[in-house]
Amino acid sequence: MAVWAGGGGGGRAGRALSLSLSRALAGRRAAGGDHDDLSFQAGPRGTLENATWKIQLKSSSTLPISLTEIKSLFTMKRFFSTSRSTVDPKEMKKFQLLAHKWWDEEGDYSALHSMNDIRVPFIRDTLLNKSNNHQLGNPLSGLKILDVGCGGGLLSEPLGRLGASVTGIDPLEDNIRIADQHKSFDPILARRVQYKSSSLEDIVEESMETFDVIVASEVVEHVADLQMFIKCCSQVLKPEGSLFITTINKTQLSYVLGIVVAEKIIGIVPEGTHEWEKFVTPEELERLLKSSGFSVKAVNGMLYNPITGSWSWTESTSINYAMHAVKSRGQGQSGHTDPSSEMQREQHSATAGTGM
């Protein structure tokens, strides 16, 4: 349950480029050019248009244009190009108000705390089935895991205790502050878990094919651009790396139970937490994953009991579900195992246990 942010700006670059162009124009006027009556437009958009005009002017005059100025023009174009982001500002405001409640196991995030009883074993057992090389007591030792939308660290910490090297990212600085503060009480977690206030797309360039595993639990129903989100996951994940997603299906039942009952009647989830339009079906999610080079290995239904406050696995994916996908090593490579038997094995491991 987290959100993404991205940002940018060109104020300083715009002022620098505007000054450079103004000086060049002054020099042109001093030389008695033919374009003295052309005035520069003010503001960032005017700066870009003026720079373009100056390049065009070069073809019919002797106006000097330096390589630095040409580079500045392309820099400005990058600043003003429409950037896609996984961010939804409304989600940022929503979770900003709840940041201090992450570690209240009886509070607004109680359902996420109890979800660890099934999602952590699902991740652990699936990864162990992929490799026979693991340490007793630290079964996930040697694996680099990225927890996208880590919030207060509810999932990062148990994965770190299993031996993994975990990087948790979240664009909300208050979430990262809470997560850092909570892990500081455990010296082991202080060494194995690190947090960063960042969106997924912001770390792509520095983390290309860096992680063995990505977890995005209760996240994809909050992002602004799901296709870009999955593409970024593919970019930072190693070939044959695993992606784990838990989310809410887009059905009439999920609307009634997940929003009307859970938020408006029972109140186990803060009202306004979810928007049904952002829910995604397993079929649509699988289609997006395949388009980004993933192969879906398992899809398991999840069911929450508000009376007992516990989660369990179920055959139905009509409300909540968990998905495991693997990034292909190369286009067209199918691997050496039978996909149907592998999916059956992972579904068995997911339902075999519900505790650490």
Protein backbone atom coordinates (compact mmCIF):
# COMPACT_ATOMS: atom_id res chain seq x y z
CA MET A 1 0.00 0.00 0.00
CA ALA A 2 2.27 2.72 -1.23
CA VAL A 3 2.65 5.37 -3.89
CA TRP A 4 5.26 6.71 -6.53
CA ALA A 5 6.55 9.94 -7.12
CA GLY A 6 8.63 11.52 -9.70
CA GLY A 7 9.66 15.06 -10.39
CA GLY A 8 11.81 17.43 -12.36
CA GLY A 9 12.25 21.03 -13.28
CA GLY A 10 14.08 23.34 -15.62
CA GLY A 11 14.03 26.69 -13.84
CA ARG A 12 17.81 27.11 -13.47
CA ALA A 13 18.57 25.68 -16.91
CA GLY A 14 15.86 27.89 -18.40
CA ARG A 15 17.31 31.04 -16.86
CA ALA A 16 20.83 30.11 -17.99
CA LEU A 17 19.72 29.44 -21.55
CA SER A 18 17.61 32.62 -21.63
CA LEU A 19 20.62 34.70 -20.51
CA SER A 20 22.86 33.08 -23.10
CA LEU A 21 20.37 33.78 -25.87
CA SER A 22 19.83 37.36 -24.71
CA ARG A 23 23.57 38.02 -24.90
CA ALA A 24 23.73 36.50 -28.36
CA LEU A 25 20.82 38.66 -29.50
CA ALA A 26 22.47 41.78 -28.10
CA GLY A 27 25.60 40.95 -30.08
CA ARG A 28 23.53 40.52 -33.20
CA ARG A 29 21.88 43.90 -32.73
CA ALA A 30 25.26 45.56 -32.20
CA ALA A 31 26.37 44.11 -35.53
CA GLY A 32 23.34 45.68 -37.25
CA GLY A 33 21.56 42.47 -38.15
CA ASP A 34 18.32 42.15 -40.06
CA HIS A 35 16.33 40.73 -37.17
CA ASP A 36 16.48 43.60 -34.67
CA ASP A 37 12.70 43.76 -34.44
CA LEU A 38 12.32 40.19 -33.23
CA SER A 39 11.75 40.10 -29.46
CA PHE A 40 12.24 37.09 -27.18
CA GLN A 41 9.24 35.63 -25.38
CA ALA A 42 9.38 35.47 -21.61
CA GLY A 43 8.89 32.42 -19.42
CA PRO A 44 9.99 28.76 -19.70
CA ARG A 45 7.92 27.99 -22.79
CA GLY A 46 9.14 31.21 -24.40
CA THR A 47 12.72 30.22 -23.61
CA LEU A 48 12.31 26.96 -25.50
CA GLU A 49 10.63 28.63 -28.47
CA ASN A 50 13.26 31.37 -28.57
CA ALA A 51 16.04 28.80 -28.57
CA THR A 52 14.40 26.99 -31.47
CA TRP A 53 14.02 30.29 -33.34
CA LYS A 54 17.69 31.02 -32.83
CA ILE A 55 18.75 27.70 -34.38
CA GLN A 56 16.50 28.34 -37.37
CA LEU A 57 17.87 31.89 -37.71
CA LYS A 58 21.37 30.52 -38.12
CA SER A 59 20.52 29.12 -41.55
CA SER A 60 19.81 32.61 -42.96
CA SER A 61 22.25 34.79 -41.02
CA THR A 62 25.68 34.92 -39.49
CA LEU A 63 24.41 34.76 -35.92
CA PRO A 64 27.00 32.77 -33.94
CA ILE A 65 25.63 29.69 -32.14
CA SER A 66 27.93 27.75 -29.85
CA LEU A 67 27.88 24.00 -29.25
CA THR A 68 27.03 24.70 -25.61
CA GLU A 69 23.89 26.56 -26.62
CA ILE A 70 22.80 23.74 -28.92
CA LYS A 71 23.26 21.25 -26.09
CA SER A 72 21.24 23.54 -23.84
CA LEU A 73 18.39 23.44 -26.33
CA PHE A 74 18.19 19.66 -26.20
CA THR A 75 18.41 19.79 -22.41
CA MET A 76 15.44 22.16 -22.38
CA LYS A 77 13.48 19.82 -24.64
CA ARG A 78 14.00 17.04 -22.12
CA PHE A 79 12.79 19.31 -19.33
CA PHE A 80 9.59 20.21 -21.16
CA SER A 81 8.79 16.80 -22.60
CA THR A 82 5.79 15.12 -21.01
CA SER A 83 7.20 12.55 -18.59
CA ARG A 84 5.37 9.37 -17.67
CA SER A 85 5.44 8.38 -14.06
CA THR A 86 4.03 5.70 -11.78
CA VAL A 87 3.02 8.51 -9.45
CA ASP A 88 -0.44 9.44 -8.30
CA PRO A 89 -0.32 12.64 -6.18
CA LYS A 90 -3.69 11.82 -4.60
CA GLU A 91 -2.25 8.57 -3.26
CA MET A 92 0.67 10.50 -1.77
CA LYS A 93 -1.67 12.71 0.22
CA LYS A 94 -3.73 9.72 1.29
CA PHE A 95 -0.87 7.74 2.79
CA GLN A 96 0.89 10.78 4.19
CA LEU A 97 -1.81 10.92 6.86
CA LEU A 98 -1.27 7.27 7.82
CA ALA A 99 2.54 7.14 7.86
CA HIS A 100 2.80 7.12 11.65
CA LYS A 101 0.49 4.09 11.98
CA TRP A 102 2.58 1.47 10.13
CA TRP A 103 3.65 -0.52 13.19
CA ASP A 104 0.36 -0.45 15.07
CA GLU A 105 -0.62 -4.10 14.64
CA GLU A 106 -4.18 -3.39 15.81
CA GLY A 107 -4.59 -0.22 13.76
CA ASP A 108 -5.26 0.71 10.16
CA TYR A 109 -2.57 -1.62 8.84
CA SER A 110 -3.53 -4.68 10.88
CA ALA A 111 -4.58 -6.59 7.74
CA LEU A 112 -1.14 -6.06 6.22
CA HIS A 113 0.56 -7.29 9.39
CA SER A 114 -1.45 -10.52 9.32
CA MET A 115 -0.87 -10.91 5.57
CA ASN A 116 2.77 -11.65 6.40
CA ASP A 117 1.58 -15.03 7.70
CA ILE A 118 0.97 -16.19 4.14
CA ARG A 119 2.89 -13.85 1.82
CA VAL A 120 6.28 -14.34 3.48
CA PRO A 121 6.13 -18.19 3.31
CA PHE A 122 4.90 -17.90 -0.29
CA ILE A 123 7.95 -15.83 -1.26
CA ARG A 124 10.35 -17.94 0.81
CA ASP A 125 9.17 -21.36 -0.38
CA THR A 126 8.95 -20.31 -4.03
CA LEU A 127 12.53 -19.05 -3.97
CA LEU A 128 13.76 -22.16 -2.18
CA ASN A 129 12.15 -24.33 -4.85
CA LYS A 130 14.18 -22.49 -7.47
CA SER A 131 17.51 -23.23 -5.81
CA ASN A 132 18.98 -25.98 -3.65
CA ASN A 133 21.77 -23.72 -2.41
CA HIS A 134 20.67 -22.11 0.84
CA GLN A 135 21.93 -21.72 4.39
CA LEU A 136 20.19 -23.29 7.35
CA GLY A 137 18.62 -20.49 9.36
CA ASN A 138 19.19 -17.95 6.59
CA PRO A 139 17.42 -19.53 3.61
CA LEU A 140 17.39 -16.34 1.53
CA SER A 141 21.05 -15.50 2.14
CA GLY A 142 22.79 -14.18 -0.96
CA LEU A 143 19.62 -12.83 -2.58
CA LYS A 144 19.16 -9.13 -3.30
CA ILE A 145 15.49 -8.19 -2.88
CA LEU A 146 13.83 -4.92 -3.86
CA ASP A 147 10.68 -4.14 -1.87
CA VAL A 148 8.81 -1.61 -4.00
CA GLY A 149 6.43 0.55 -2.01
CA CYS A 150 7.90 -0.71 1.24
CA GLY A 151 5.87 1.67 3.40
CA GLY A 152 7.03 1.30 6.99
CA GLY A 153 8.98 -1.90 6.26
CA LEU A 154 6.33 -4.49 7.19
CA LEU A 155 7.54 -6.92 4.51
CA SER A 156 11.17 -5.81 4.26
CA GLU A 157 11.97 -6.78 7.84
CA PRO A 158 10.87 -10.46 7.76
CA LEU A 159 12.64 -10.94 4.41
CA GLY A 160 15.77 -9.48 5.97
CA ARG A 161 15.47 -11.85 8.94
CA LEU A 162 15.46 -14.74 6.44
CA GLY A 163 18.93 -13.68 5.34
CA ALA A 164 18.18 -11.58 2.25
CA SER A 165 19.79 -8.26 1.47
CA VAL A 166 16.73 -6.01 1.18
CA THR A 167 16.36 -2.57 -0.35
CA GLY A 168 13.03 -0.93 0.43
CA ILE A 169 11.95 2.08 -1.62
CA ASP A 170 9.00 4.41 -1.14
CA PRO A 171 8.57 7.98 -2.41
CA LEU A 172 6.99 9.12 0.83
CA GLU A 173 9.79 10.33 3.09
CA ASP A 174 7.70 9.88 6.23
CA ASN A 175 7.35 6.17 5.44
CA ILE A 176 11.11 5.80 5.04
CA ARG A 177 11.72 7.66 8.29
CA ILE A 178 9.38 5.30 10.16
CA ALA A 179 10.95 2.23 8.49
CA ASP A 180 14.49 3.35 9.35
CA GLN A 181 13.53 4.06 12.92
CA HIS A 182 11.89 0.67 13.43
CA LYS A 183 14.73 -1.41 11.95
CA SER A 184 17.27 0.40 14.15
CA PHE A 185 16.08 -1.63 17.15
CA ASP A 186 17.45 -4.83 15.54
CA PRO A 187 21.21 -4.85 14.76
CA ILE A 188 20.76 -7.69 12.25
CA LEU A 189 18.19 -5.73 10.27
CA ALA A 190 20.38 -2.65 10.40
CA ARG A 191 22.97 -4.59 8.38
CA ARG A 192 20.65 -6.39 5.98
CA VAL A 193 17.92 -3.83 5.23
CA GLN A 194 18.32 -0.38 3.74
CA TYR A 195 15.63 2.11 2.82
CA LYS A 196 15.52 4.87 0.24
CA SER A 197 12.98 7.57 -0.46
CA SER A 198 12.55 7.05 -4.17
CA SER A 199 10.12 5.96 -6.86
CA LEU A 200 10.79 2.88 -8.95
CA GLU A 201 11.51 4.79 -12.14
CA ASP A 202 14.03 6.98 -10.33
CA ILE A 203 16.34 4.06 -9.55
CA VAL A 204 16.21 2.31 -12.94
CA GLU A 205 19.35 3.90 -14.38
CA GLU A 206 21.51 3.13 -11.34
CA SER A 207 20.06 -0.35 -10.75
CA MET A 208 19.80 -2.02 -14.15
CA GLU A 209 19.50 -5.82 -13.67
CA THR A 210 20.63 -5.50 -10.05
CA PHE A 211 18.05 -7.47 -8.06
CA ASP A 212 17.33 -11.20 -7.83
CA VAL A 213 13.81 -10.62 -6.51
CA ILE A 214 11.23 -7.82 -6.56
CA VAL A 215 8.21 -7.75 -4.28
CA ALA A 216 5.31 -5.37 -4.88
CA SER A 217 2.73 -6.25 -2.26
CA GLU A 218 -0.51 -4.22 -2.24
CA VAL A 219 1.10 -1.65 -4.51
CA VAL A 220 -0.02 -2.00 -8.13
CA GLU A 221 -3.58 -0.88 -7.30
CA HIS A 222 -2.16 2.50 -6.29
CA VAL A 223 0.22 3.34 -9.14
CA ALA A 224 -0.62 5.84 -11.86
CA ASP A 225 0.91 3.95 -14.79
CA LEU A 226 0.88 0.17 -14.33
CA GLN A 227 2.47 -0.60 -17.68
CA MET A 228 5.44 1.64 -16.93
CA PHE A 229 5.68 0.19 -13.42
CA ILE A 230 6.04 -3.36 -14.77
CA LYS A 231 8.51 -2.22 -17.41
CA CYS A 232 10.68 -0.65 -14.70
CA CYS A 233 10.48 -3.88 -12.68
CA SER A 234 11.82 -5.75 -15.69
CA GLN A 235 14.68 -3.29 -16.09
CA VAL A 236 16.00 -3.56 -12.54
CA LEU A 237 15.46 -7.34 -12.23
CA LYS A 238 18.13 -9.82 -13.26
CA PRO A 239 17.32 -12.33 -16.02
CA GLU A 240 15.42 -15.28 -14.51
CA GLY A 241 14.71 -13.15 -11.45
CA SER A 242 11.40 -13.40 -9.60
CA LEU A 243 8.63 -10.81 -9.29
CA PHE A 244 6.00 -11.27 -6.54
CA ILE A 245 2.79 -9.24 -6.63
CA THR A 246 -0.21 -9.26 -4.32
CA THR A 247 -3.18 -7.10 -5.24
CA ILE A 248 -6.98 -6.89 -5.59
CA ASN A 249 -8.98 -8.28 -8.49
CA LYS A 250 -11.33 -6.00 -10.42
CA THR A 251 -14.69 -7.67 -9.86
CA GLN A 252 -18.09 -6.70 -8.49
CA LEU A 253 -17.36 -8.81 -5.43
CA SER A 254 -14.09 -7.00 -4.77
CA TYR A 255 -15.94 -3.68 -4.93
CA VAL A 256 -18.59 -4.79 -2.46
CA LEU A 257 -16.22 -6.49 0.01
CA GLY A 258 -13.04 -4.49 -0.55
CA ILE A 259 -14.53 -1.00 -0.58
CA VAL A 260 -18.14 -0.94 0.62
CA VAL A 261 -17.77 -3.45 3.47
CA ALA A 262 -14.07 -3.12 4.40
CA GLU A 263 -13.88 0.69 4.18
CA LYS A 264 -17.38 2.05 4.69
CA ILE A 265 -19.09 -0.50 6.97
CA ILE A 266 -16.54 -2.44 9.05
CA GLY A 267 -13.75 0.11 8.80
CA ILE A 268 -10.86 -2.38 8.77
CA VAL A 269 -9.31 -0.28 6.00
CA PRO A 270 -9.30 3.55 6.09
CA GLU A 271 -12.06 4.96 3.89
CA GLY A 272 -10.75 6.14 0.54
CA THR A 273 -7.75 3.78 0.55
CA HIS A 274 -8.76 2.08 -2.69
CA GLU A 275 -10.24 3.08 -6.03
CA TRP A 276 -12.04 0.27 -7.82
CA GLU A 277 -11.05 1.68 -11.22
CA LYS A 278 -7.39 0.97 -10.39
CA PHE A 279 -7.95 -2.68 -9.50
CA VAL A 280 -6.52 -5.11 -12.06
CA THR A 281 -7.65 -8.60 -13.05
CA PRO A 282 -5.15 -11.49 -13.08
CA GLU A 283 -5.66 -11.78 -16.85
CA GLU A 284 -4.83 -8.13 -17.48
CA LEU A 285 -1.85 -8.24 -15.13
CA GLU A 286 -0.53 -11.37 -16.83
CA ARG A 287 -0.89 -9.71 -20.23
CA LEU A 288 1.12 -6.69 -19.08
CA LEU A 289 3.77 -8.95 -17.56
CA LYS A 290 4.15 -10.98 -20.74
CA SER A 291 4.54 -7.81 -22.80
CA SER A 292 7.52 -6.87 -20.60
CA GLY A 293 9.26 -10.25 -20.89
CA PHE A 294 7.83 -12.07 -17.86
CA SER A 295 6.44 -15.57 -17.62
CA VAL A 296 3.72 -16.07 -15.00
CA LYS A 297 4.34 -19.18 -12.90
CA ALA A 298 1.62 -19.08 -10.24
CA VAL A 299 -1.61 -17.28 -9.42
CA ASN A 300 -3.16 -18.00 -6.01
CA GLY A 301 -6.35 -16.61 -4.48
CA MET A 302 -6.20 -14.96 -1.05
CA LEU A 303 -9.01 -14.52 1.46
CA TYR A 304 -9.17 -12.28 4.53
CA ASN A 305 -11.36 -13.14 7.50
CA PRO A 306 -12.23 -9.89 9.31
CA ILE A 307 -13.54 -11.79 12.34
CA THR A 308 -10.30 -13.69 13.05
CA GLY A 309 -8.09 -11.08 11.38
CA SER A 310 -6.28 -13.77 9.40
CA TRP A 311 -5.50 -14.58 5.78
CA SER A 312 -5.71 -17.92 3.99
CA TRP A 313 -5.15 -19.29 0.52
CA THR A 314 -8.17 -20.08 -1.63
CA GLU A 315 -8.83 -21.33 -5.14
CA SER A 316 -10.87 -18.24 -5.97
CA THR A 317 -9.06 -15.11 -7.16
CA SER A 318 -12.24 -13.03 -7.22
CA ILE A 319 -11.09 -10.73 -4.41
CA ASN A 320 -7.36 -10.83 -3.57
CA TYR A 321 -4.64 -12.81 -5.29
CA ALA A 322 -0.88 -13.35 -5.31
CA MET A 323 1.15 -13.80 -8.48
CA HIS A 324 4.67 -15.02 -9.15
CA ALA A 325 6.36 -14.22 -12.45
CA VAL A 326 9.88 -14.83 -13.74
CA LYS A 327 11.78 -12.57 -16.10
CA SER A 328 12.85 -14.42 -19.22
CA ARG A 329 16.58 -14.75 -19.85
CA GLY A 330 16.09 -14.01 -23.53
CA GLN A 331 13.27 -13.50 -25.97
CA GLY A 332 11.79 -16.82 -27.03
CA GLN A 333 13.64 -18.81 -24.35
CA SER A 334 11.22 -21.23 -22.73
CA GLY A 335 13.43 -22.78 -20.08
CA HIS A 336 13.99 -26.43 -19.23
CA THR A 337 11.00 -27.21 -17.05
CA ASP A 338 7.41 -27.94 -17.89
CA PRO A 339 5.44 -24.73 -17.06
CA SER A 340 2.32 -26.61 -15.95
CA SER A 341 4.18 -28.83 -13.51
CA GLU A 342 6.16 -25.86 -12.19
CA MET A 343 2.99 -23.89 -11.55
CA GLN A 344 1.45 -26.84 -9.71
CA ARG A 345 4.55 -27.15 -7.53
CA GLU A 346 4.50 -23.43 -6.63
CA GLN A 347 0.81 -23.46 -5.83
CA HIS A 348 1.40 -26.45 -3.59
CA SER A 349 4.24 -24.66 -1.77
CA ALA A 350 2.04 -21.59 -1.30
CA THR A 351 -0.75 -23.52 0.34
CA ALA A 352 1.46 -25.87 2.33
CA GLY A 353 2.08 -23.51 5.24
CA THR A 354 0.76 -20.29 6.66
CA GLY A 355 3.47 -19.41 9.18
CA MET A 356 7.14 -18.72 9.33
